[in-house]
């Protein structure tokens, strides 16, 4: 079992293409020009365990930020506020 490596200097999004919130969050990051690693939990089911360990929940998306904080099912406003706090936008 391989676990995705979380980079301390980037954003990682755990999600699935069938998840509307995941699609929305990916679109928001793309529109803001934010680079991120997307981990597709359908393609890599073992990564769901990693996402659950991070968040303590089974909800997606799980967005992990460079400061090691995370959001679960964040709104666009939540993501934008965090990106501003980290001076990424």
C-alpha atoms as a PDB file:
ATOM      1  CA  UNK A   1       0.000   0.000   0.000  1.00  0.00           C
ATOM      2  CA  UNK A   2       1.498   3.308  -1.035  1.00  0.00           C
ATOM      3  CA  UNK A   3       0.414   6.548   0.516  1.00  0.00           C
ATOM      4  CA  UNK A   4       0.468   9.806  -1.336  1.00  0.00           C
ATOM      5  CA  UNK A   5       3.281  12.033  -0.191  1.00  0.00           C
ATOM      6  CA  UNK A   6       2.095  15.351   1.143  1.00  0.00           C
ATOM      7  CA  UNK A   7       4.342  18.177   0.106  1.00  0.00           C
ATOM      8  CA  UNK A   8       4.832  20.802   2.806  1.00  0.00           C
ATOM      9  CA  UNK A   9       4.970  23.575   0.223  1.00  0.00           C
ATOM     10  CA  UNK A  10       1.862  22.788  -1.772  1.00  0.00           C
ATOM     11  CA  UNK A  11      -1.856  22.220  -1.535  1.00  0.00           C
ATOM     12  CA  UNK A  12      -3.228  18.713  -1.774  1.00  0.00           C
ATOM     13  CA  UNK A  13      -6.862  17.968  -2.586  1.00  0.00           C
ATOM     14  CA  UNK A  14      -8.287  14.528  -1.872  1.00  0.00           C
ATOM     15  CA  UNK A  15     -11.474  13.991  -3.849  1.00  0.00           C
ATOM     16  CA  UNK A  16     -13.432  12.162  -6.501  1.00  0.00           C
ATOM     17  CA  UNK A  17     -14.767  13.279  -9.860  1.00  0.00           C
ATOM     18  CA  UNK A  18     -18.334  12.267  -8.885  1.00  0.00           C
ATOM     19  CA  UNK A  19     -18.244  14.685  -5.947  1.00  0.00           C
ATOM     20  CA  UNK A  20     -19.722  18.092  -6.829  1.00  0.00           C
ATOM     21  CA  UNK A  21     -17.925  19.830  -3.958  1.00  0.00           C
ATOM     22  CA  UNK A  22     -14.621  18.344  -5.159  1.00  0.00           C
ATOM     23  CA  UNK A  23     -15.221  19.563  -8.710  1.00  0.00           C
ATOM     24  CA  UNK A  24     -16.155  23.032  -7.386  1.00  0.00           C
ATOM     25  CA  UNK A  25     -13.048  23.289  -5.199  1.00  0.00           C
ATOM     26  CA  UNK A  26     -10.742  22.148  -8.022  1.00  0.00           C
ATOM     27  CA  UNK A  27     -12.350  24.693 -10.370  1.00  0.00           C
ATOM     28  CA  UNK A  28     -11.904  27.476  -7.798  1.00  0.00           C
ATOM     29  CA  UNK A  29      -8.203  26.681  -7.321  1.00  0.00           C
ATOM     30  CA  UNK A  30      -7.696  26.513 -11.094  1.00  0.00           C
ATOM     31  CA  UNK A  31      -9.455  29.860 -11.603  1.00  0.00           C
ATOM     32  CA  UNK A  32      -7.283  31.450  -8.906  1.00  0.00           C
ATOM     33  CA  UNK A  33      -4.146  30.061 -10.546  1.00  0.00           C
ATOM     34  CA  UNK A  34      -3.267  27.993  -7.471  1.00  0.00           C
ATOM     35  CA  UNK A  35      -1.186  24.901  -8.132  1.00  0.00           C
ATOM     36  CA  UNK A  36      -2.307  21.817  -6.250  1.00  0.00           C
ATOM     37  CA  UNK A  37      -1.947  18.078  -6.260  1.00  0.00           C
ATOM     38  CA  UNK A  38      -5.210  16.251  -6.840  1.00  0.00           C
ATOM     39  CA  UNK A  39      -5.493  12.771  -5.391  1.00  0.00           C
ATOM     40  CA  UNK A  40      -8.373  10.887  -7.004  1.00  0.00           C
ATOM     41  CA  UNK A  41      -9.784   8.542  -4.395  1.00  0.00           C
ATOM     42  CA  UNK A  42     -11.426   6.400  -7.082  1.00  0.00           C
ATOM     43  CA  UNK A  43      -8.088   5.824  -8.834  1.00  0.00           C
ATOM     44  CA  UNK A  44      -6.227   5.441  -5.522  1.00  0.00           C
ATOM     45  CA  UNK A  45      -8.659   3.965  -2.964  1.00  0.00           C
ATOM     46  CA  UNK A  46      -5.890   3.544  -0.359  1.00  0.00           C
ATOM     47  CA  UNK A  47      -5.563   7.339  -0.308  1.00  0.00           C
ATOM     48  CA  UNK A  48      -9.024   7.491   1.273  1.00  0.00           C
ATOM     49  CA  UNK A  49      -7.411   6.134   4.443  1.00  0.00           C
ATOM     50  CA  UNK A  50      -4.862   8.958   4.328  1.00  0.00           C
ATOM     51  CA  UNK A  51      -7.627  11.550   3.869  1.00  0.00           C
ATOM     52  CA  UNK A  52      -9.577  10.024   6.769  1.00  0.00           C
ATOM     53  CA  UNK A  53      -6.462  10.091   8.987  1.00  0.00           C
ATOM     54  CA  UNK A  54      -5.975  13.782   8.209  1.00  0.00           C
ATOM     55  CA  UNK A  55      -9.579  14.863   8.683  1.00  0.00           C
ATOM     56  CA  UNK A  56     -11.044  12.289  11.042  1.00  0.00           C
ATOM     57  CA  UNK A  57     -14.024  12.151   8.681  1.00  0.00           C
ATOM     58  CA  UNK A  58     -15.053  10.377   5.498  1.00  0.00           C
ATOM     59  CA  UNK A  59     -16.359  13.539   3.801  1.00  0.00           C
ATOM     60  CA  UNK A  60     -14.578  14.950   0.741  1.00  0.00           C
ATOM     61  CA  UNK A  61     -12.945  17.011  -0.505  1.00  0.00           C
ATOM     62  CA  UNK A  62     -10.183  17.211   2.052  1.00  0.00           C
ATOM     63  CA  UNK A  63      -7.941  20.180   1.242  1.00  0.00           C
ATOM     64  CA  UNK A  64      -4.534  20.192   2.944  1.00  0.00           C
ATOM     65  CA  UNK A  65      -2.661  23.500   2.982  1.00  0.00           C
ATOM     66  CA  UNK A  66       1.099  24.209   3.153  1.00  0.00           C
ATOM     67  CA  UNK A  67       0.804  25.020   6.872  1.00  0.00           C
ATOM     68  CA  UNK A  68      -0.560  21.485   7.479  1.00  0.00           C
ATOM     69  CA  UNK A  69      -4.029  22.773   8.294  1.00  0.00           C
ATOM     70  CA  UNK A  70      -6.966  21.359   6.365  1.00  0.00           C
ATOM     71  CA  UNK A  71     -10.572  21.895   5.401  1.00  0.00           C
ATOM     72  CA  UNK A  72     -13.224  19.235   4.870  1.00  0.00           C
ATOM     73  CA  UNK A  73     -15.972  20.129   2.373  1.00  0.00           C
ATOM     74  CA  UNK A  74     -14.956  23.805   2.403  1.00  0.00           C
ATOM     75  CA  UNK A  75     -17.034  26.546   0.864  1.00  0.00           C
ATOM     76  CA  UNK A  76     -15.392  28.761  -1.747  1.00  0.00           C
ATOM     77  CA  UNK A  77     -15.248  31.501   0.907  1.00  0.00           C
ATOM     78  CA  UNK A  78     -13.411  29.163   3.314  1.00  0.00           C
ATOM     79  CA  UNK A  79     -10.813  28.287   0.676  1.00  0.00           C
ATOM     80  CA  UNK A  80     -10.364  31.913  -0.384  1.00  0.00           C
ATOM     81  CA  UNK A  81      -9.945  33.069   3.230  1.00  0.00           C
ATOM     82  CA  UNK A  82      -7.302  30.414   3.880  1.00  0.00           C
ATOM     83  CA  UNK A  83      -5.410  31.251   0.681  1.00  0.00           C
ATOM     84  CA  UNK A  84      -5.407  34.932   1.700  1.00  0.00           C
ATOM     85  CA  UNK A  85      -4.226  34.024   5.213  1.00  0.00           C
ATOM     86  CA  UNK A  86      -1.310  32.100   3.632  1.00  0.00           C
ATOM     87  CA  UNK A  87      -0.645  35.023   1.224  1.00  0.00           C
ATOM     88  CA  UNK A  88      -1.159  32.752  -1.777  1.00  0.00           C
ATOM     89  CA  UNK A  89      -3.642  35.152  -3.392  1.00  0.00           C
END
